[in-house]
N, C-alpha and C. Protein backbone atom coordinates (compact mmCIF):
# COMPACT_ATOMS: atom_id res chain seq x y z
N MET A 1 -11.49 -30.15 35.77
CA MET A 1 -12.43 -30.67 36.69
C MET A 1 -11.54 -30.81 37.86
N ARG A 2 -10.29 -31.55 37.70
CA ARG A 2 -9.43 -31.89 38.61
C ARG A 2 -9.02 -30.17 39.12
N THR A 3 -8.70 -29.19 37.90
CA THR A 3 -8.34 -27.72 38.64
C THR A 3 -9.27 -26.98 39.52
N HIS A 4 -11.43 -27.48 38.99
CA HIS A 4 -11.80 -26.64 40.11
C HIS A 4 -12.07 -27.10 41.31
N VAL A 5 -11.79 -29.00 41.73
CA VAL A 5 -11.50 -29.25 42.85
C VAL A 5 -11.03 -28.66 43.58
N LEU A 6 -9.05 -28.30 42.88
CA LEU A 6 -8.07 -27.58 43.44
C LEU A 6 -8.65 -26.52 44.50
N LEU A 7 -9.24 -25.78 42.79
CA LEU A 7 -9.31 -24.38 43.65
C LEU A 7 -10.29 -24.70 44.20
N ALA A 8 -11.67 -25.64 44.29
CA ALA A 8 -12.66 -24.95 45.40
C ALA A 8 -11.87 -25.71 46.87
N LEU A 9 -10.81 -26.43 47.33
CA LEU A 9 -10.39 -26.99 48.06
C LEU A 9 -9.14 -25.60 48.42
N VAL A 10 -8.89 -25.04 47.82
CA VAL A 10 -8.14 -23.29 47.98
C VAL A 10 -8.64 -22.69 48.19
N GLY A 11 -9.90 -22.52 48.33
CA GLY A 11 -10.91 -21.22 48.06
C GLY A 11 -11.33 -21.47 49.75
N LEU A 12 -11.70 -22.89 49.37
CA LEU A 12 -12.31 -23.14 51.68
C LEU A 12 -11.04 -23.25 52.72
N ALA A 13 -9.35 -23.12 52.46
CA ALA A 13 -8.86 -23.54 52.81
C ALA A 13 -8.65 -22.16 53.63
N THR A 14 -8.32 -21.03 52.47
CA THR A 14 -8.34 -19.68 52.43
C THR A 14 -9.45 -18.75 52.64
N GLY A 15 -10.52 -19.31 52.59
CA GLY A 15 -11.70 -18.39 53.15
C GLY A 15 -11.83 -17.59 51.32
N PHE A 16 -11.61 -17.67 50.72
CA PHE A 16 -11.41 -17.44 49.43
C PHE A 16 -12.34 -17.48 48.40
N ILE A 17 -13.48 -17.42 47.54
CA ILE A 17 -13.89 -18.64 47.12
C ILE A 17 -13.62 -17.66 45.62
N THR A 18 -13.39 -18.68 45.20
CA THR A 18 -12.87 -17.68 43.18
C THR A 18 -14.27 -17.38 42.51
N PRO A 19 -14.80 -16.94 41.74
CA PRO A 19 -15.40 -16.40 40.57
C PRO A 19 -16.03 -17.44 40.01
N ALA A 20 -17.48 -17.70 39.68
CA ALA A 20 -17.79 -18.96 38.96
C ALA A 20 -17.32 -19.48 37.90
N PHE A 21 -16.51 -17.38 37.12
CA PHE A 21 -16.29 -18.31 35.59
C PHE A 21 -14.52 -18.15 35.79
N THR A 22 -13.87 -18.94 36.71
CA THR A 22 -12.92 -19.11 36.74
C THR A 22 -12.19 -19.55 35.79
N GLN A 23 -13.33 -20.46 34.95
CA GLN A 23 -12.25 -21.13 33.32
C GLN A 23 -12.86 -20.47 32.90
N THR A 24 -12.34 -19.78 32.15
CA THR A 24 -12.30 -18.94 30.77
C THR A 24 -11.35 -18.99 30.01
N THR A 25 -11.88 -18.11 28.33
CA THR A 25 -10.83 -18.55 27.82
C THR A 25 -10.97 -16.47 27.07
N ILE A 26 -10.34 -16.44 26.67
CA ILE A 26 -10.56 -14.81 26.79
C ILE A 26 -9.94 -15.08 25.17
N PRO A 27 -10.18 -14.16 23.89
CA PRO A 27 -10.19 -14.23 22.89
C PRO A 27 -8.74 -13.64 22.67
N LYS A 28 -8.15 -14.27 21.05
CA LYS A 28 -6.33 -13.68 21.54
C LYS A 28 -6.10 -12.19 21.56
N GLU A 29 -7.04 -11.85 20.90
CA GLU A 29 -6.95 -10.43 20.22
C GLU A 29 -7.42 -9.56 21.60
N LEU A 30 -7.73 -9.53 22.71
CA LEU A 30 -7.97 -8.87 23.61
C LEU A 30 -7.23 -9.40 24.68
N VAL A 31 -5.74 -10.03 24.14
CA VAL A 31 -4.72 -11.12 25.63
C VAL A 31 -3.79 -10.17 25.09
N GLY A 32 -3.50 -9.89 26.27
CA GLY A 32 -2.30 -8.99 26.61
C GLY A 32 -1.78 -7.31 27.18
N THR A 33 -1.30 -7.12 26.90
CA THR A 33 -0.49 -5.87 27.61
C THR A 33 -1.07 -4.44 26.95
N TRP A 34 -1.88 -4.02 27.32
CA TRP A 34 -2.25 -2.24 26.63
C TRP A 34 -1.39 -0.78 27.63
N THR A 35 -1.64 -0.13 26.65
CA THR A 35 -1.31 1.42 27.27
C THR A 35 -2.27 2.02 26.98
N ILE A 36 -2.51 2.94 28.24
CA ILE A 36 -3.99 3.59 28.22
C ILE A 36 -2.93 5.33 27.75
N VAL A 37 -3.95 5.01 26.30
CA VAL A 37 -4.14 6.67 25.78
C VAL A 37 -4.87 7.89 25.93
N SER A 38 -6.49 7.21 26.27
CA SER A 38 -6.98 8.66 26.85
C SER A 38 -8.32 7.67 27.24
N ILE A 39 -8.61 8.44 28.73
CA ILE A 39 -10.01 8.56 29.60
C ILE A 39 -10.74 9.06 29.60
N THR A 40 -12.39 9.12 29.21
CA THR A 40 -12.66 10.50 29.04
C THR A 40 -14.03 10.17 29.52
N LEU A 41 -15.04 10.98 30.68
CA LEU A 41 -16.23 10.70 30.97
C LEU A 41 -16.89 11.55 30.43
N GLU A 42 -17.98 11.13 29.96
CA GLU A 42 -19.15 12.10 28.97
C GLU A 42 -20.97 12.01 29.76
N LYS A 43 -20.50 12.99 30.30
CA LYS A 43 -21.77 13.73 30.81
C LYS A 43 -22.48 14.21 30.57
N ASP A 44 -24.30 14.33 29.97
CA ASP A 44 -24.80 15.74 29.95
C ASP A 44 -24.90 16.18 28.92
N GLY A 45 -23.79 15.99 27.98
CA GLY A 45 -23.10 16.17 27.06
C GLY A 45 -21.29 17.15 27.47
N LYS A 46 -20.90 16.40 28.21
CA LYS A 46 -20.07 17.22 28.65
C LYS A 46 -19.07 16.31 28.59
N LYS A 47 -17.27 16.37 28.11
CA LYS A 47 -16.72 15.38 28.57
C LYS A 47 -16.05 15.82 29.41
N ILE A 48 -14.65 14.87 29.68
CA ILE A 48 -13.58 15.04 30.76
C ILE A 48 -12.35 14.14 30.68
N ASP A 49 -11.70 14.82 30.67
CA ASP A 49 -10.28 13.59 31.31
C ASP A 49 -10.00 12.80 32.54
N VAL A 50 -10.63 12.02 32.55
CA VAL A 50 -10.42 11.81 34.04
C VAL A 50 -9.18 11.95 34.22
N PHE A 51 -8.47 11.57 34.02
CA PHE A 51 -7.03 11.40 34.69
C PHE A 51 -6.06 12.17 33.62
N GLY A 52 -7.20 13.40 33.38
CA GLY A 52 -5.99 14.81 32.27
C GLY A 52 -5.66 14.01 31.33
N PRO A 53 -4.99 15.12 30.20
CA PRO A 53 -4.82 14.89 29.23
C PRO A 53 -3.39 13.65 28.47
N ASN A 54 -2.82 13.59 29.55
CA ASN A 54 -2.09 12.62 29.62
C ASN A 54 -1.73 11.77 30.27
N PRO A 55 -2.94 10.77 30.52
CA PRO A 55 -2.76 9.63 31.60
C PRO A 55 -2.09 8.44 31.23
N GLN A 56 -1.48 7.98 32.56
CA GLN A 56 -0.52 7.05 32.97
C GLN A 56 -0.97 5.69 33.03
N GLY A 57 -1.14 4.60 32.43
CA GLY A 57 -1.71 3.49 32.63
C GLY A 57 -1.67 2.52 31.74
N ARG A 58 -1.75 1.06 32.53
CA ARG A 58 -2.15 -0.05 31.43
C ARG A 58 -3.12 -0.78 32.08
N LEU A 59 -3.55 -1.85 31.07
CA LEU A 59 -4.40 -2.78 30.91
C LEU A 59 -3.67 -3.86 30.81
N ILE A 60 -4.06 -5.44 31.83
CA ILE A 60 -3.27 -6.58 31.54
C ILE A 60 -4.25 -7.69 31.24
N ARG A 61 -4.15 -8.01 30.28
CA ARG A 61 -5.21 -9.09 30.85
C ARG A 61 -4.27 -10.49 29.46
N ASP A 62 -4.49 -11.61 30.66
CA ASP A 62 -4.27 -13.31 30.33
C ASP A 62 -5.21 -13.59 30.17
N ALA A 63 -4.93 -15.02 28.85
CA ALA A 63 -6.06 -15.88 27.82
C ALA A 63 -6.83 -16.71 28.93
N ASP A 64 -6.38 -17.18 30.20
CA ASP A 64 -7.10 -17.51 31.26
C ASP A 64 -8.38 -16.61 32.08
N GLY A 65 -8.14 -14.71 31.95
CA GLY A 65 -8.85 -14.06 31.85
C GLY A 65 -8.90 -12.55 33.11
N HIS A 66 -7.48 -13.58 33.39
CA HIS A 66 -6.84 -12.44 35.02
C HIS A 66 -7.22 -11.66 34.24
N VAL A 67 -7.27 -10.62 35.01
CA VAL A 67 -7.06 -8.53 34.51
C VAL A 67 -6.48 -7.73 35.42
N ALA A 68 -4.97 -6.97 35.21
CA ALA A 68 -4.90 -5.73 36.30
C ALA A 68 -5.22 -4.63 35.17
N PHE A 69 -5.68 -3.35 36.13
CA PHE A 69 -5.93 -2.06 35.52
C PHE A 69 -5.07 -1.04 36.73
N MET A 70 -4.43 0.03 36.10
CA MET A 70 -3.72 0.84 36.74
C MET A 70 -3.87 2.26 35.63
N ALA A 71 -4.38 3.20 36.37
CA ALA A 71 -4.07 4.45 35.79
C ALA A 71 -3.99 5.50 36.43
N THR A 72 -3.00 6.15 36.22
CA THR A 72 -3.17 7.48 37.30
C THR A 72 -2.68 9.31 36.35
N ARG A 73 -3.16 10.07 36.69
CA ARG A 73 -2.43 11.73 36.37
C ARG A 73 -1.20 11.45 36.02
N ALA A 74 -0.71 11.80 34.67
CA ALA A 74 1.33 12.62 34.45
C ALA A 74 1.10 13.16 36.05
N ASP A 75 0.24 14.30 36.43
CA ASP A 75 1.40 15.39 36.98
C ASP A 75 1.25 14.51 38.57
N LEU A 76 1.05 13.62 39.36
CA LEU A 76 1.12 13.58 40.62
C LEU A 76 1.45 13.84 41.16
N PRO A 77 2.12 14.56 42.11
CA PRO A 77 2.77 15.22 43.16
C PRO A 77 3.74 14.34 43.84
N LYS A 78 4.91 14.85 43.77
CA LYS A 78 6.04 14.11 44.43
C LYS A 78 5.83 13.82 46.06
N PHE A 79 6.08 13.61 46.94
CA PHE A 79 5.55 13.79 48.50
C PHE A 79 6.75 14.32 48.89
N ALA A 80 7.00 15.44 49.92
CA ALA A 80 8.07 16.28 49.82
C ALA A 80 8.44 15.57 51.16
N SER A 81 7.99 14.44 51.71
CA SER A 81 8.18 13.56 53.23
C SER A 81 8.89 12.68 52.36
N ASN A 82 8.98 12.43 51.09
CA ASN A 82 9.52 11.24 49.93
C ASN A 82 9.12 9.55 51.82
N ASN A 83 7.90 10.02 52.01
CA ASN A 83 7.32 9.20 52.74
C ASN A 83 5.99 8.52 52.65
N ARG A 84 5.18 7.85 51.69
CA ARG A 84 3.82 7.50 51.39
C ARG A 84 3.01 7.56 52.83
N ALA A 85 3.48 7.24 53.91
CA ALA A 85 2.85 7.09 55.45
C ALA A 85 2.59 8.82 56.01
N GLU A 86 3.64 9.59 55.58
CA GLU A 86 3.70 10.97 55.51
C GLU A 86 3.94 12.23 54.70
N GLY A 87 2.58 11.24 54.30
CA GLY A 87 2.04 12.13 52.70
C GLY A 87 0.89 13.83 53.66
N THR A 88 0.68 14.21 52.81
CA THR A 88 0.02 16.02 53.51
C THR A 88 -1.59 15.45 53.43
N PRO A 89 -2.27 16.48 53.95
CA PRO A 89 -3.61 16.22 53.33
C PRO A 89 -3.64 16.53 51.71
N GLU A 90 -3.22 17.26 51.04
CA GLU A 90 -2.70 17.97 49.96
C GLU A 90 -2.61 16.69 49.26
N GLU A 91 -1.32 16.45 49.29
CA GLU A 91 -0.48 15.03 48.58
C GLU A 91 -1.25 13.82 48.26
N ASN A 92 -2.10 13.28 49.18
CA ASN A 92 -2.63 12.23 49.49
C ASN A 92 -4.15 12.32 49.03
N LYS A 93 -4.77 13.69 49.06
CA LYS A 93 -6.20 13.76 48.53
C LYS A 93 -5.81 13.79 46.33
N ALA A 94 -4.60 14.38 46.41
CA ALA A 94 -4.13 14.56 44.95
C ALA A 94 -3.88 12.88 44.61
N VAL A 95 -3.69 12.02 45.00
CA VAL A 95 -2.95 10.86 45.08
C VAL A 95 -4.52 10.01 44.67
N VAL A 96 -4.98 10.11 45.12
CA VAL A 96 -6.46 9.39 45.74
C VAL A 96 -7.31 9.83 44.40
N GLN A 97 -7.47 11.43 44.33
CA GLN A 97 -8.48 11.41 43.83
C GLN A 97 -7.08 11.13 41.83
N GLY A 98 -6.67 10.64 41.62
CA GLY A 98 -5.84 10.84 40.17
C GLY A 98 -5.11 9.37 40.36
N SER A 99 -5.86 8.54 40.77
CA SER A 99 -5.28 7.35 40.39
C SER A 99 -6.50 6.33 41.29
N VAL A 100 -6.53 5.47 40.05
CA VAL A 100 -7.52 3.93 40.42
C VAL A 100 -6.72 2.74 39.77
N PHE A 101 -6.40 1.71 40.69
CA PHE A 101 -6.08 0.43 40.66
C PHE A 101 -7.01 -0.67 41.02
N TYR A 102 -7.08 -1.84 39.70
CA TYR A 102 -8.15 -2.55 40.40
C TYR A 102 -7.03 -4.40 39.86
N PHE A 103 -7.61 -5.16 40.27
CA PHE A 103 -7.71 -6.25 39.62
C PHE A 103 -8.53 -7.88 39.85
N GLY A 104 -8.70 -8.95 39.12
CA GLY A 104 -9.66 -9.53 39.16
C GLY A 104 -9.69 -10.43 37.99
N ARG A 105 -10.97 -11.01 37.37
CA ARG A 105 -11.36 -11.77 36.77
C ARG A 105 -11.68 -11.32 35.46
N SER A 106 -12.03 -11.79 34.27
CA SER A 106 -13.03 -11.06 33.06
C SER A 106 -13.89 -12.36 32.34
N SER A 107 -14.59 -12.01 32.28
CA SER A 107 -15.33 -12.84 30.76
C SER A 107 -15.74 -11.96 29.51
N VAL A 108 -15.61 -12.91 28.46
CA VAL A 108 -15.86 -12.45 27.37
C VAL A 108 -17.06 -12.89 26.13
N ASN A 109 -17.93 -12.25 25.71
CA ASN A 109 -19.15 -12.45 24.81
C ASN A 109 -18.58 -11.90 23.18
N GLU A 110 -18.40 -13.20 22.86
CA GLU A 110 -17.07 -12.51 21.60
C GLU A 110 -19.00 -11.59 20.56
N THR A 111 -19.90 -12.50 20.91
CA THR A 111 -20.95 -11.63 20.15
C THR A 111 -21.45 -10.91 20.41
N ASP A 112 -21.72 -10.34 21.19
CA ASP A 112 -22.15 -8.80 22.23
C ASP A 112 -20.65 -7.95 22.05
N LYS A 113 -19.44 -8.53 22.21
CA LYS A 113 -18.73 -7.76 21.78
C LYS A 113 -18.75 -6.56 23.32
N THR A 114 -18.44 -8.01 24.45
CA THR A 114 -19.15 -7.32 25.48
C THR A 114 -17.82 -7.76 26.39
N ILE A 115 -16.83 -7.49 27.24
CA ILE A 115 -16.27 -8.08 28.62
C ILE A 115 -16.95 -7.26 30.61
N THR A 116 -16.99 -8.66 30.69
CA THR A 116 -17.75 -8.14 32.07
C THR A 116 -16.52 -8.84 32.96
N THR A 117 -16.50 -7.55 33.90
CA THR A 117 -15.32 -7.80 35.27
C THR A 117 -15.56 -7.78 36.22
N HIS A 118 -15.08 -9.10 36.48
CA HIS A 118 -15.40 -9.05 38.03
C HIS A 118 -14.18 -8.32 39.34
N ILE A 119 -14.30 -7.60 39.71
CA ILE A 119 -13.12 -6.45 40.85
C ILE A 119 -12.61 -7.17 41.73
N GLU A 120 -12.07 -7.61 42.41
CA GLU A 120 -11.56 -8.59 42.98
C GLU A 120 -11.16 -7.54 44.26
N VAL A 121 -10.44 -7.07 43.73
CA VAL A 121 -9.43 -5.63 44.79
C VAL A 121 -9.21 -4.30 44.21
N CYS A 122 -9.77 -3.39 44.90
CA CYS A 122 -9.80 -2.02 44.10
C CYS A 122 -9.21 -1.49 45.22
N SER A 123 -8.28 -0.32 44.56
CA SER A 123 -7.86 1.17 45.05
C SER A 123 -9.19 2.30 45.61
N PHE A 124 -10.34 2.30 44.61
CA PHE A 124 -11.73 2.47 45.27
C PHE A 124 -12.69 1.54 45.60
N PRO A 125 -12.31 1.50 47.49
CA PRO A 125 -13.49 0.31 47.99
C PRO A 125 -14.80 -0.07 47.26
N ASN A 126 -15.71 0.91 46.86
CA ASN A 126 -17.04 0.83 46.71
C ASN A 126 -16.98 -0.49 45.00
N TRP A 127 -15.80 -0.53 44.65
CA TRP A 127 -16.01 -1.20 43.81
C TRP A 127 -15.34 -2.67 43.90
N ILE A 128 -14.81 -3.06 44.96
CA ILE A 128 -14.70 -4.64 45.44
C ILE A 128 -15.61 -5.45 45.50
N GLY A 129 -15.74 -6.56 44.68
CA GLY A 129 -17.09 -7.54 44.80
C GLY A 129 -17.53 -6.82 43.47
N ILE A 130 -18.08 -6.06 42.59
CA ILE A 130 -18.90 -5.75 41.96
C ILE A 130 -18.31 -6.06 40.66
N GLU A 131 -19.43 -6.23 39.26
CA GLU A 131 -18.92 -6.60 38.52
C GLU A 131 -19.43 -5.67 37.18
N ARG A 132 -18.38 -5.10 35.98
CA ARG A 132 -18.56 -4.02 35.80
C ARG A 132 -18.58 -5.43 33.97
N LYS A 133 -19.55 -4.05 33.03
CA LYS A 133 -19.59 -4.77 32.09
C LYS A 133 -18.92 -3.40 31.20
N SER A 134 -18.53 -3.61 29.98
CA SER A 134 -18.07 -2.83 28.78
C SER A 134 -17.71 -3.52 27.64
N THR A 135 -18.59 -2.79 26.29
CA THR A 135 -18.27 -3.22 25.39
C THR A 135 -17.11 -2.17 25.14
N TYR A 136 -16.87 -3.32 22.99
CA TYR A 136 -15.11 -3.18 23.18
C TYR A 136 -14.83 -3.34 21.22
N THR A 137 -14.01 -2.46 20.99
CA THR A 137 -14.17 -2.78 19.69
C THR A 137 -12.65 -2.60 19.33
N ILE A 138 -11.70 -3.39 18.28
CA ILE A 138 -10.57 -3.80 18.48
C ILE A 138 -10.52 -3.26 16.93
N ASN A 139 -10.09 -2.30 16.34
CA ASN A 139 -8.92 -1.95 15.34
C ASN A 139 -7.34 -2.01 15.21
N GLY A 140 -6.83 -3.16 14.76
CA GLY A 140 -5.93 -3.24 14.67
C GLY A 140 -4.58 -3.07 16.08
N ASP A 141 -4.10 -2.66 16.53
CA ASP A 141 -3.39 -2.21 17.87
C ASP A 141 -3.93 -1.44 18.82
N GLU A 142 -4.65 -1.23 18.12
CA GLU A 142 -6.19 -0.18 19.17
C GLU A 142 -7.61 -0.85 19.74
N LEU A 143 -7.65 -0.57 21.25
CA LEU A 143 -8.53 -1.08 21.94
C LEU A 143 -9.55 0.17 21.96
N ASP A 144 -10.67 0.07 21.88
CA ASP A 144 -11.94 1.22 22.71
C ASP A 144 -12.39 0.24 22.97
N THR A 145 -12.80 1.21 24.45
CA THR A 145 -14.18 0.64 25.74
C THR A 145 -14.94 1.60 25.83
N THR A 146 -15.91 0.58 26.47
CA THR A 146 -17.17 2.01 26.44
C THR A 146 -18.10 1.37 27.58
N ALA A 147 -18.13 2.27 28.75
CA ALA A 147 -19.39 1.32 30.16
C ALA A 147 -20.05 2.63 30.71
N SER A 148 -20.47 1.85 31.42
CA SER A 148 -21.98 2.85 31.87
C SER A 148 -21.21 2.79 33.61
N GLY A 149 -20.76 4.71 34.22
CA GLY A 149 -20.35 4.68 35.67
C GLY A 149 -19.00 4.75 35.50
N SER A 150 -18.47 5.83 36.24
CA SER A 150 -16.58 6.13 36.50
C SER A 150 -16.46 6.15 38.18
N THR A 151 -15.40 6.38 38.20
CA THR A 151 -15.23 6.25 40.47
C THR A 151 -15.19 7.31 40.48
N VAL A 152 -15.51 8.09 39.61
CA VAL A 152 -15.60 9.43 39.85
C VAL A 152 -17.55 9.97 39.31
N GLY A 153 -18.15 9.20 39.07
CA GLY A 153 -18.95 9.49 39.07
C GLY A 153 -20.39 9.22 37.46
N GLU A 154 -21.58 9.36 37.37
CA GLU A 154 -22.22 8.69 36.27
C GLU A 154 -21.54 9.30 34.85
N GLY A 155 -21.71 8.35 34.22
CA GLY A 155 -22.17 8.73 32.91
C GLY A 155 -20.94 7.76 31.80
N THR A 156 -21.03 7.78 31.03
CA THR A 156 -20.67 6.96 30.54
C THR A 156 -18.53 7.53 29.73
N VAL A 157 -18.38 6.25 30.26
CA VAL A 157 -16.99 5.93 30.44
C VAL A 157 -16.09 5.13 28.87
N ARG A 158 -15.56 6.67 28.35
CA ARG A 158 -14.95 5.77 26.90
C ARG A 158 -12.72 5.31 27.28
N ALA A 159 -12.27 4.22 27.21
CA ALA A 159 -11.33 4.09 27.58
C ALA A 159 -10.48 3.84 26.14
N VAL A 160 -9.55 4.68 25.40
CA VAL A 160 -8.62 4.08 24.66
C VAL A 160 -7.13 3.76 24.83
N TYR A 161 -7.00 2.06 23.94
CA TYR A 161 -5.86 1.70 24.47
C TYR A 161 -5.26 1.38 22.93
N LYS A 162 -3.75 1.25 23.44
CA LYS A 162 -2.47 1.07 22.23
C LYS A 162 -1.95 -0.35 22.59
N ARG A 163 -2.18 -1.20 21.62
CA ARG A 163 -1.05 -2.29 22.23
C ARG A 163 0.00 -1.92 22.69
N ALA A 164 0.60 -2.49 23.76
CA ALA A 164 2.14 -2.52 24.30
C ALA A 164 2.78 -3.05 23.44
N LYS A 165 4.53 -2.45 22.95
CA LYS A 165 5.51 -3.38 22.07
C LYS A 165 6.02 -3.64 22.79
């Protein structure tokens, strides 16, 4: 109760109101750092590797529901200027189209094997403030998630992760 009162006061003072599922517990099997193995988008019977054949990235989830996700293509170009603010249009386009990052809060329904993530901040602004629901399975150190839609269009996204050692 004290935690909720403190969070409400902080929210009022900062103008940021925390999501309704502030106090949640994530199943132990989902907590930790996961390395991306693959992310594919399937639409109309076709599959594409959203971040190329060797995506780089992590999914980090803590027991209280905080989540951070980052994914990039392995072949992102280096900026010739060595200055992010001075990237060429081609360099900027490659980075924007080849990466996505977000953080937020998540809750889990263990019965349905679903994760609902409330995205607070995202490099794809259209996702800020949305809730994304995905199904999951865990087999040993492998996490497999499936969700509808992606930052690159409609379809079904399947992400496969290995627990980071």
